[in-house]
C-alpha atoms as a PDB file:
ATOM      1  CA  MET A   1      11.200  34.238  16.406  1.00  0.00           C
ATOM      2  CA  ASN A   2      12.300  37.866  16.943  1.00  0.00           C
ATOM      3  CA  LYS A   3      16.616  37.787  18.806  1.00  0.00           C
ATOM      4  CA  ILE A   4      15.702  38.448  22.800  1.00  0.00           C
ATOM      5  CA  ILE A   5      19.002  38.211  23.985  1.00  0.00           C
ATOM      6  CA  THR A   6      20.358  42.344  25.104  1.00  0.00           C
ATOM      7  CA  TYR A   7      23.290  43.115  27.105  1.00  0.00           C
ATOM      8  CA  ASP A   8      21.548  43.281  29.875  1.00  0.00           C
ATOM      9  CA  THR A   9      20.003  39.578  29.775  1.00  0.00           C
ATOM     10  CA  LEU A  10      22.999  38.406  28.274  1.00  0.00           C
ATOM     11  CA  ARG A  11      24.176  35.994  31.531  1.00  0.00           C
ATOM     12  CA  ASN A  12      21.124  33.694  31.083  1.00  0.00           C
ATOM     13  CA  PHE A  13      22.476  32.075  27.455  1.00  0.00           C
ATOM     14  CA  THR A  14      26.126  31.937  27.947  1.00  0.00           C
ATOM     15  CA  TYR A  15      28.421  31.781  30.630  1.00  0.00           C
ATOM     16  CA  SER A  16      30.559  35.647  30.277  1.00  0.00           C
ATOM     17  CA  ASN A  17      33.381  36.856  32.200  1.00  0.00           C
ATOM     18  CA  ASP A  18      33.516  40.581  30.632  1.00  0.00           C
ATOM     19  CA  THR A  19      32.847  41.944  33.353  1.00  0.00           C
ATOM     20  CA  LEU A  20      36.687  40.977  35.138  1.00  0.00           C
ATOM     21  CA  CYS A  21      38.292  41.833  31.911  1.00  0.00           C
ATOM     22  CA  LYS A  22      40.683  44.725  34.090  1.00  0.00           C
ATOM     23  CA  VAL A  23      42.758  44.920  30.695  1.00  0.00           C
ATOM     24  CA  PRO A  24      41.955  45.918  27.321  1.00  0.00           C
ATOM     25  CA  VAL A  25      40.261  42.850  24.925  1.00  0.00           C
ATOM     26  CA  LYS A  26      42.321  41.316  22.897  1.00  0.00           C
ATOM     27  CA  GLY A  27      40.209  38.462  22.333  1.00  0.00           C
ATOM     28  CA  VAL A  28      37.724  35.923  23.009  1.00  0.00           C
ATOM     29  CA  VAL A  29      38.029  32.487  23.514  1.00  0.00           C
ATOM     30  CA  LEU A  30      34.683  30.427  23.053  1.00  0.00           C
ATOM     31  CA  PHE A  31      34.349  26.843  24.744  1.00  0.00           C
ATOM     32  CA  PHE A  32      31.976  24.712  22.738  1.00  0.00           C
ATOM     33  CA  ARG A  33      30.728  21.644  25.855  1.00  0.00           C
ATOM     34  CA  GLY A  34      30.145  18.261  24.799  1.00  0.00           C
ATOM     35  CA  LEU A  35      26.820  16.167  24.848  1.00  0.00           C
ATOM     36  CA  GLY A  36      24.558  16.568  27.074  1.00  0.00           C
ATOM     37  CA  ALA A  37      25.846  19.874  29.370  1.00  0.00           C
ATOM     38  CA  LYS A  38      23.590  21.646  30.666  1.00  0.00           C
ATOM     39  CA  ASP A  39      24.638  23.633  33.643  1.00  0.00           C
ATOM     40  CA  MET A  40      24.992  27.096  34.165  1.00  0.00           C
ATOM     41  CA  PHE A  41      27.455  28.760  35.711  1.00  0.00           C
ATOM     42  CA  ARG A  42      27.266  30.001  39.276  1.00  0.00           C
ATOM     43  CA  GLU A  43      31.061  30.824  40.369  1.00  0.00           C
ATOM     44  CA  ASP A  44      33.369  31.856  37.530  1.00  0.00           C
ATOM     45  CA  PRO A  45      36.202  28.450  36.486  1.00  0.00           C
ATOM     46  CA  GLU A  46      40.069  28.792  36.475  1.00  0.00           C
ATOM     47  CA  ILE A  47      40.296  29.339  33.409  1.00  0.00           C
ATOM     48  CA  ALA A  48      38.600  32.147  33.138  1.00  0.00           C
ATOM     49  CA  LEU A  49      39.975  34.334  35.983  1.00  0.00           C
ATOM     50  CA  ARG A  50      43.358  32.988  33.979  1.00  0.00           C
ATOM     51  CA  TYR A  51      42.223  34.783  30.711  1.00  0.00           C
ATOM     52  CA  ALA A  52      40.532  38.021  32.374  1.00  0.00           C
ATOM     53  CA  GLU A  53      43.961  38.545  33.624  1.00  0.00           C
ATOM     54  CA  GLN A  54      44.791  38.255  29.869  1.00  0.00           C
ATOM     55  CA  GLY A  55      42.360  40.541  28.505  1.00  0.00           C
ATOM     56  CA  ILE A  56      40.531  37.694  27.223  1.00  0.00           C
ATOM     57  CA  VAL A  57      36.799  37.227  26.871  1.00  0.00           C
ATOM     58  CA  TYR A  58      35.621  33.203  27.784  1.00  0.00           C
ATOM     59  CA  LEU A  59      32.756  32.456  27.118  1.00  0.00           C
ATOM     60  CA  VAL A  60      30.398  29.176  26.997  1.00  0.00           C
ATOM     61  CA  PRO A  61      27.132  29.471  25.201  1.00  0.00           C
ATOM     62  CA  TYR A  62      24.519  27.633  26.909  1.00  0.00           C
ATOM     63  CA  TYR A  63      22.391  25.848  24.256  1.00  0.00           C
ATOM     64  CA  ASN A  64      21.068  23.094  23.151  1.00  0.00           C
ATOM     65  CA  PRO A  65      22.919  20.826  24.787  1.00  0.00           C
ATOM     66  CA  TRP A  66      22.146  18.017  21.723  1.00  0.00           C
ATOM     67  CA  ASN A  67      23.037  20.502  19.235  1.00  0.00           C
ATOM     68  CA  TRP A  68      25.702  19.360  17.174  1.00  0.00           C
ATOM     69  CA  MET A  69      26.414  22.974  15.920  1.00  0.00           C
ATOM     70  CA  ASN A  70      23.027  23.192  13.765  1.00  0.00           C
ATOM     71  CA  ARG A  71      21.637  25.927  12.378  1.00  0.00           C
ATOM     72  CA  GLN A  72      20.275  27.171  14.980  1.00  0.00           C
ATOM     73  CA  ALA A  73      23.240  26.383  18.065  1.00  0.00           C
ATOM     74  CA  LEU A  74      24.736  28.539  15.343  1.00  0.00           C
ATOM     75  CA  ALA A  75      22.580  31.591  15.405  1.00  0.00           C
ATOM     76  CA  TYR A  76      22.026  31.012  19.184  1.00  0.00           C
ATOM     77  CA  THR A  77      25.775  31.617  19.305  1.00  0.00           C
ATOM     78  CA  GLU A  78      26.564  34.425  16.545  1.00  0.00           C
ATOM     79  CA  GLU A  79      23.718  36.561  18.441  1.00  0.00           C
ATOM     80  CA  ILE A  80      25.903  36.613  21.852  1.00  0.00           C
ATOM     81  CA  LEU A  81      28.880  37.494  19.483  1.00  0.00           C
ATOM     82  CA  ASP A  82      26.294  40.261  18.351  1.00  0.00           C
ATOM     83  CA  VAL A  83      25.129  41.618  21.223  1.00  0.00           C
ATOM     84  CA  LEU A  84      28.839  42.137  22.803  1.00  0.00           C
ATOM     85  CA  PHE A  85      30.408  43.397  19.688  1.00  0.00           C
ATOM     86  CA  ALA A  86      27.856  45.838  20.221  1.00  0.00           C
ATOM     87  CA  HIS A  87      27.978  46.107  24.212  1.00  0.00           C
ATOM     88  CA  TYR A  88      32.000  47.331  23.926  1.00  0.00           C
ATOM     89  CA  GLY A  89      31.803  48.432  20.066  1.00  0.00           C
ATOM     90  CA  TRP A  90      34.965  45.686  18.973  1.00  0.00           C
ATOM     91  CA  ASN A  91      36.638  46.081  15.737  1.00  0.00           C
ATOM     92  CA  GLU A  92      35.254  42.995  13.543  1.00  0.00           C
ATOM     93  CA  ASP A  93      38.490  41.765  13.968  1.00  0.00           C
ATOM     94  CA  LEU A  94      39.270  40.992  17.371  1.00  0.00           C
ATOM     95  CA  PRO A  95      40.657  37.710  16.606  1.00  0.00           C
ATOM     96  CA  ILE A  96      38.184  35.198  17.904  1.00  0.00           C
ATOM     97  CA  VAL A  97      39.182  31.134  18.982  1.00  0.00           C
ATOM     98  CA  SER A  98      37.300  28.468  18.868  1.00  0.00           C
ATOM     99  CA  THR A  99      37.706  25.445  21.169  1.00  0.00           C
ATOM    100  CA  GLY A 100      35.331  22.707  22.061  1.00  0.00           C
ATOM    101  CA  GLN A 101      35.568  18.775  22.950  1.00  0.00           C
ATOM    102  CA  SER A 102      33.722  15.838  21.976  1.00  0.00           C
ATOM    103  CA  MET A 103      30.319  17.275  20.936  1.00  0.00           C
ATOM    104  CA  GLY A 104      31.855  20.861  21.391  1.00  0.00           C
ATOM    105  CA  GLY A 105      34.937  19.585  19.114  1.00  0.00           C
ATOM    106  CA  LEU A 106      32.575  18.769  16.359  1.00  0.00           C
ATOM    107  CA  ALA A 107      31.161  22.791  17.402  1.00  0.00           C
ATOM    108  CA  SER A 108      34.590  24.273  17.315  1.00  0.00           C
ATOM    109  CA  LEU A 109      35.214  22.932  14.102  1.00  0.00           C
ATOM    110  CA  ILE A 110      31.514  23.360  12.307  1.00  0.00           C
ATOM    111  CA  PHE A 111      31.545  27.252  13.854  1.00  0.00           C
ATOM    112  CA  THR A 112      34.793  28.296  12.322  1.00  0.00           C
ATOM    113  CA  ALA A 113      33.490  26.833   9.082  1.00  0.00           C
ATOM    114  CA  ARG A 114      30.470  28.369   9.117  1.00  0.00           C
ATOM    115  CA  ALA A 115      31.087  30.958  11.505  1.00  0.00           C
ATOM    116  CA  LYS A 116      30.144  35.398   9.980  1.00  0.00           C
ATOM    117  CA  ARG A 117      33.578  36.274  11.858  1.00  0.00           C
ATOM    118  CA  THR A 118      35.373  33.497  10.852  1.00  0.00           C
ATOM    119  CA  PRO A 119      38.124  32.408  13.754  1.00  0.00           C
ATOM    120  CA  LYS A 120      41.564  32.725  14.449  1.00  0.00           C
ATOM    121  CA  ALA A 121      41.916  29.404  15.267  1.00  0.00           C
ATOM    122  CA  CYS A 122      40.107  26.628  16.684  1.00  0.00           C
ATOM    123  CA  VAL A 123      41.932  23.996  19.634  1.00  0.00           C
ATOM    124  CA  ALA A 124      39.579  21.171  19.571  1.00  0.00           C
ATOM    125  CA  ASN A 125      40.050  17.933  22.385  1.00  0.00           C
ATOM    126  CA  CYS A 126      38.531  14.834  21.263  1.00  0.00           C
ATOM    127  CA  PRO A 127      36.054  16.477  18.569  1.00  0.00           C
ATOM    128  CA  VAL A 128      33.942  14.050  16.718  1.00  0.00           C
ATOM    129  CA  CYS A 129      34.893  14.704  13.049  1.00  0.00           C
ATOM    130  CA  ASP A 130      32.846  11.585  11.153  1.00  0.00           C
ATOM    131  CA  LEU A 131      29.758  12.591  11.865  1.00  0.00           C
ATOM    132  CA  VAL A 132      28.471  10.292   9.107  1.00  0.00           C
ATOM    133  CA  TYR A 133      29.987   7.177  10.659  1.00  0.00           C
ATOM    134  CA  HIS A 134      29.556   8.389  14.347  1.00  0.00           C
ATOM    135  CA  VAL A 135      25.775   7.753  14.175  1.00  0.00           C
ATOM    136  CA  THR A 136      26.710   4.333  14.659  1.00  0.00           C
ATOM    137  CA  GLU A 137      28.840   3.937  17.279  1.00  0.00           C
ATOM    138  CA  ARG A 138      27.248   4.386  20.323  1.00  0.00           C
ATOM    139  CA  GLU A 139      23.282   3.426  20.591  1.00  0.00           C
ATOM    140  CA  ASP A 140      22.678   6.940  22.772  1.00  0.00           C
ATOM    141  CA  LEU A 141      23.870   8.938  19.723  1.00  0.00           C
ATOM    142  CA  PRO A 142      20.876   8.770  17.261  1.00  0.00           C
ATOM    143  CA  ARG A 143      18.743   9.963  19.045  1.00  0.00           C
ATOM    144  CA  THR A 144      20.114  12.844  19.312  1.00  0.00           C
ATOM    145  CA  LEU A 145      21.099  13.570  15.827  1.00  0.00           C
ATOM    146  CA  TYR A 146      17.703  13.525  14.733  1.00  0.00           C
ATOM    147  CA  SER A 147      16.810  15.746  17.193  1.00  0.00           C
ATOM    148  CA  ALA A 148      19.066  18.167  16.297  1.00  0.00           C
ATOM    149  CA  PHE A 149      18.445  17.590  12.414  1.00  0.00           C
ATOM    150  CA  PHE A 150      14.939  16.538  11.698  1.00  0.00           C
ATOM    151  CA  ASP A 151      13.963  19.371  10.138  1.00  0.00           C
ATOM    152  CA  CYS A 152      16.582  19.139   7.520  1.00  0.00           C
ATOM    153  CA  GLU A 153      15.647  17.992   3.556  1.00  0.00           C
ATOM    154  CA  GLY A 154      17.362  15.308   2.967  1.00  0.00           C
ATOM    155  CA  SER A 155      18.371  12.197   4.172  1.00  0.00           C
ATOM    156  CA  MET A 156      20.469  11.638   6.806  1.00  0.00           C
ATOM    157  CA  GLU A 157      22.880  10.273   5.519  1.00  0.00           C
ATOM    158  CA  ASP A 158      23.349  13.920   3.831  1.00  0.00           C
ATOM    159  CA  ILE A 159      22.883  15.876   6.286  1.00  0.00           C
ATOM    160  CA  LEU A 160      25.422  14.357   8.777  1.00  0.00           C
ATOM    161  CA  ALA A 161      27.770  14.568   5.764  1.00  0.00           C
ATOM    162  CA  ASP A 162      26.904  18.546   6.113  1.00  0.00           C
ATOM    163  CA  TYR A 163      28.051  19.298   9.601  1.00  0.00           C
ATOM    164  CA  SER A 164      31.032  16.230   9.441  1.00  0.00           C
ATOM    165  CA  PRO A 165      34.305  18.283  10.072  1.00  0.00           C
ATOM    166  CA  LEU A 166      36.006  15.297   8.008  1.00  0.00           C
ATOM    167  CA  HIS A 167      33.388  15.472   5.471  1.00  0.00           C
ATOM    168  CA  LEU A 168      33.522  19.266   4.998  1.00  0.00           C
ATOM    169  CA  ALA A 169      37.815  19.195   4.790  1.00  0.00           C
ATOM    170  CA  GLN A 170      37.489  16.863   2.494  1.00  0.00           C
ATOM    171  CA  LYS A 171      35.864  19.090  -0.084  1.00  0.00           C
ATOM    172  CA  GLY A 172      37.947  21.520   0.645  1.00  0.00           C
ATOM    173  CA  GLU A 173      35.320  23.491   3.033  1.00  0.00           C
ATOM    174  CA  MET A 174      37.965  24.036   5.964  1.00  0.00           C
ATOM    175  CA  PRO A 175      38.613  27.998   5.787  1.00  0.00           C
ATOM    176  CA  LYS A 176      41.921  28.980   6.280  1.00  0.00           C
ATOM    177  CA  ALA A 177      42.714  28.888  10.647  1.00  0.00           C
ATOM    178  CA  ASP A 178      44.958  27.542  12.517  1.00  0.00           C
ATOM    179  CA  TYR A 179      43.162  24.510  13.705  1.00  0.00           C
ATOM    180  CA  HIS A 180      44.985  22.381  16.858  1.00  0.00           C
ATOM    181  CA  ILE A 181      43.470  18.888  17.643  1.00  0.00           C
ATOM    182  CA  PHE A 182      44.410  16.535  20.863  1.00  0.00           C
ATOM    183  CA  HIS A 183      42.698  12.840  20.959  1.00  0.00           C
ATOM    184  CA  CYS A 184      43.838  10.471  23.636  1.00  0.00           C
ATOM    185  CA  THR A 185      44.742   7.248  21.980  1.00  0.00           C
ATOM    186  CA  GLU A 186      42.178   5.324  24.919  1.00  0.00           C
ATOM    187  CA  ASP A 187      39.189   7.267  23.695  1.00  0.00           C
ATOM    188  CA  LYS A 188      36.286   4.791  23.699  1.00  0.00           C
ATOM    189  CA  SER A 189      33.637   7.398  23.051  1.00  0.00           C
ATOM    190  CA  VAL A 190      35.140   8.550  19.740  1.00  0.00           C
ATOM    191  CA  ASN A 191      37.510   7.293  18.432  1.00  0.00           C
ATOM    192  CA  MET A 192      40.355   8.480  17.526  1.00  0.00           C
ATOM    193  CA  GLN A 193      41.859   6.657  14.147  1.00  0.00           C
ATOM    194  CA  ARG A 194      38.012   6.457  13.069  1.00  0.00           C
ATOM    195  CA  HIS A 195      37.983  10.385  13.594  1.00  0.00           C
ATOM    196  CA  SER A 196      40.759  12.317  14.321  1.00  0.00           C
ATOM    197  CA  ASP A 197      43.207  10.581  12.773  1.00  0.00           C
ATOM    198  CA  ARG A 198      41.266  10.630   9.387  1.00  0.00           C
ATOM    199  CA  PHE A 199      40.368  14.919   9.774  1.00  0.00           C
ATOM    200  CA  VAL A 200      44.659  15.041  10.095  1.00  0.00           C
ATOM    201  CA  ALA A 201      45.534  13.958   7.638  1.00  0.00           C
ATOM    202  CA  GLU A 202      42.503  15.418   5.128  1.00  0.00           C
ATOM    203  CA  MET A 203      43.456  18.542   6.620  1.00  0.00           C
ATOM    204  CA  LYS A 204      46.944  18.515   6.652  1.00  0.00           C
ATOM    205  CA  LYS A 205      46.385  18.581   2.461  1.00  0.00           C
ATOM    206  CA  ASN A 206      46.046  22.619   2.281  1.00  0.00           C
ATOM    207  CA  ARG A 207      45.296  23.831   5.669  1.00  0.00           C
ATOM    208  CA  LYS A 208      47.794  24.481   9.061  1.00  0.00           C
ATOM    209  CA  ILE A 209      47.267  21.939  11.236  1.00  0.00           C
ATOM    210  CA  THR A 210      48.939  20.024  14.496  1.00  0.00           C
ATOM    211  CA  TYR A 211      48.083  17.623  16.431  1.00  0.00           C
ATOM    212  CA  TYR A 212      48.356  16.308  20.012  1.00  0.00           C
ATOM    213  CA  PRO A 213      48.047  12.435  20.773  1.00  0.00           C
ATOM    214  CA  VAL A 214      47.030  11.826  24.225  1.00  0.00           C
ATOM    215  CA  LEU A 215      49.125   8.269  25.425  1.00  0.00           C
ATOM    216  CA  ASP A 216      47.019   6.565  27.573  1.00  0.00           C
ATOM    217  CA  GLN A 217      44.237   8.504  28.356  1.00  0.00           C
ATOM    218  CA  GLY A 218      40.682   8.044  28.102  1.00  0.00           C
ATOM    219  CA  HIS A 219      37.935  10.639  26.486  1.00  0.00           C
ATOM    220  CA  CYS A 220      38.519  14.205  26.981  1.00  0.00           C
ATOM    221  CA  LYS A 221      40.720  13.599  29.869  1.00  0.00           C
ATOM    222  CA  LEU A 222      43.957  15.511  28.455  1.00  0.00           C
ATOM    223  CA  SER A 223      47.285  14.799  30.729  1.00  0.00           C
ATOM    224  CA  GLU A 224      48.206  17.312  33.245  1.00  0.00           C
ATOM    225  CA  ALA A 225      50.992  19.290  30.350  1.00  0.00           C
ATOM    226  CA  ALA A 226      47.893  18.574  27.397  1.00  0.00           C
ATOM    227  CA  TRP A 227      45.680  20.563  29.280  1.00  0.00           C
ATOM    228  CA  GLU A 228      48.005  23.337  29.790  1.00  0.00           C
ATOM    229  CA  LYS A 229      48.900  23.328  26.060  1.00  0.00           C
ATOM    230  CA  TYR A 230      45.150  23.511  25.338  1.00  0.00           C
ATOM    231  CA  TYR A 231      44.508  26.039  27.415  1.00  0.00           C
ATOM    232  CA  ALA A 232      47.529  28.118  26.398  1.00  0.00           C
ATOM    233  CA  LEU A 233      47.208  27.783  22.943  1.00  0.00           C
ATOM    234  CA  PRO A 234      44.320  30.261  23.044  1.00  0.00           C
ATOM    235  CA  GLU A 235      46.228  32.896  24.761  1.00  0.00           C
ATOM    236  CA  ASP A 236      49.381  33.016  22.446  1.00  0.00           C
ATOM    237  CA  ILE A 237      47.359  33.081  19.450  1.00  0.00           C
ATOM    238  CA  ILE A 238      45.088  36.421  20.562  1.00  0.00           C
ATOM    239  CA  LEU A 239      48.495  37.171  22.456  1.00  0.00           C
ATOM    240  CA  GLU A 240      50.643  36.129  19.306  1.00  0.00           C
ATOM    241  CA  ARG A 241      52.989  35.118  21.537  1.00  0.00           C
ATOM    242  CA  GLY A 242      56.425  33.721  19.821  1.00  0.00           C
ATOM    243  CA  LYS A 243      54.667  34.507  16.523  1.00  0.00           C
ATOM    244  CA  GLN A 244      57.971  34.892  13.905  1.00  0.00           C
END
């Protein structure tokens, strides 16, 4: 299909706070939502207003709720960025921070690995990191993963490994970026030990990564202090606050 997203139709395909930015744009934060999220934003979220004050564009792509950052979701997100870069004439080195939670955490990591504009950083909350294991973790997952990847060539296990941050890290395929991983110790949906613990350990072999275990909280339910850190990190990275 020919590309159909234009600046005039952009808000049919993504939330964006670009019109709220009153100062020169300094960077872009992408937020990828979790499995099943499908609602369009009718009001500006508080974090979008906060980022706009700093000249940071906040994007929440309205991608397929069962996408697992497959080829279509990657191309869809790239198209949104292409429209904005062209409309505003942004320099190609404008910093991008990829963020997300749960399936969106995986999406933030896979987007970092495969985007044509490699994000400067990735900030993920309770991300799915081992997709090969995750398909067995809950009974609601196989149908979503089959839906996302049914047209790919090869076995299910091989395909899932190709979209699994842990497996990409093991093969040295995660690019150089600033990685920040949050995970709640009482997560019953995406097991911390099977996912983030293993991914962080693998990444520490050759990549910069910071781990934030969040005690006594369930899936993606960060503490107040952890939420503030999660939201502040993209600001600090884009604005280069605290850079030594």
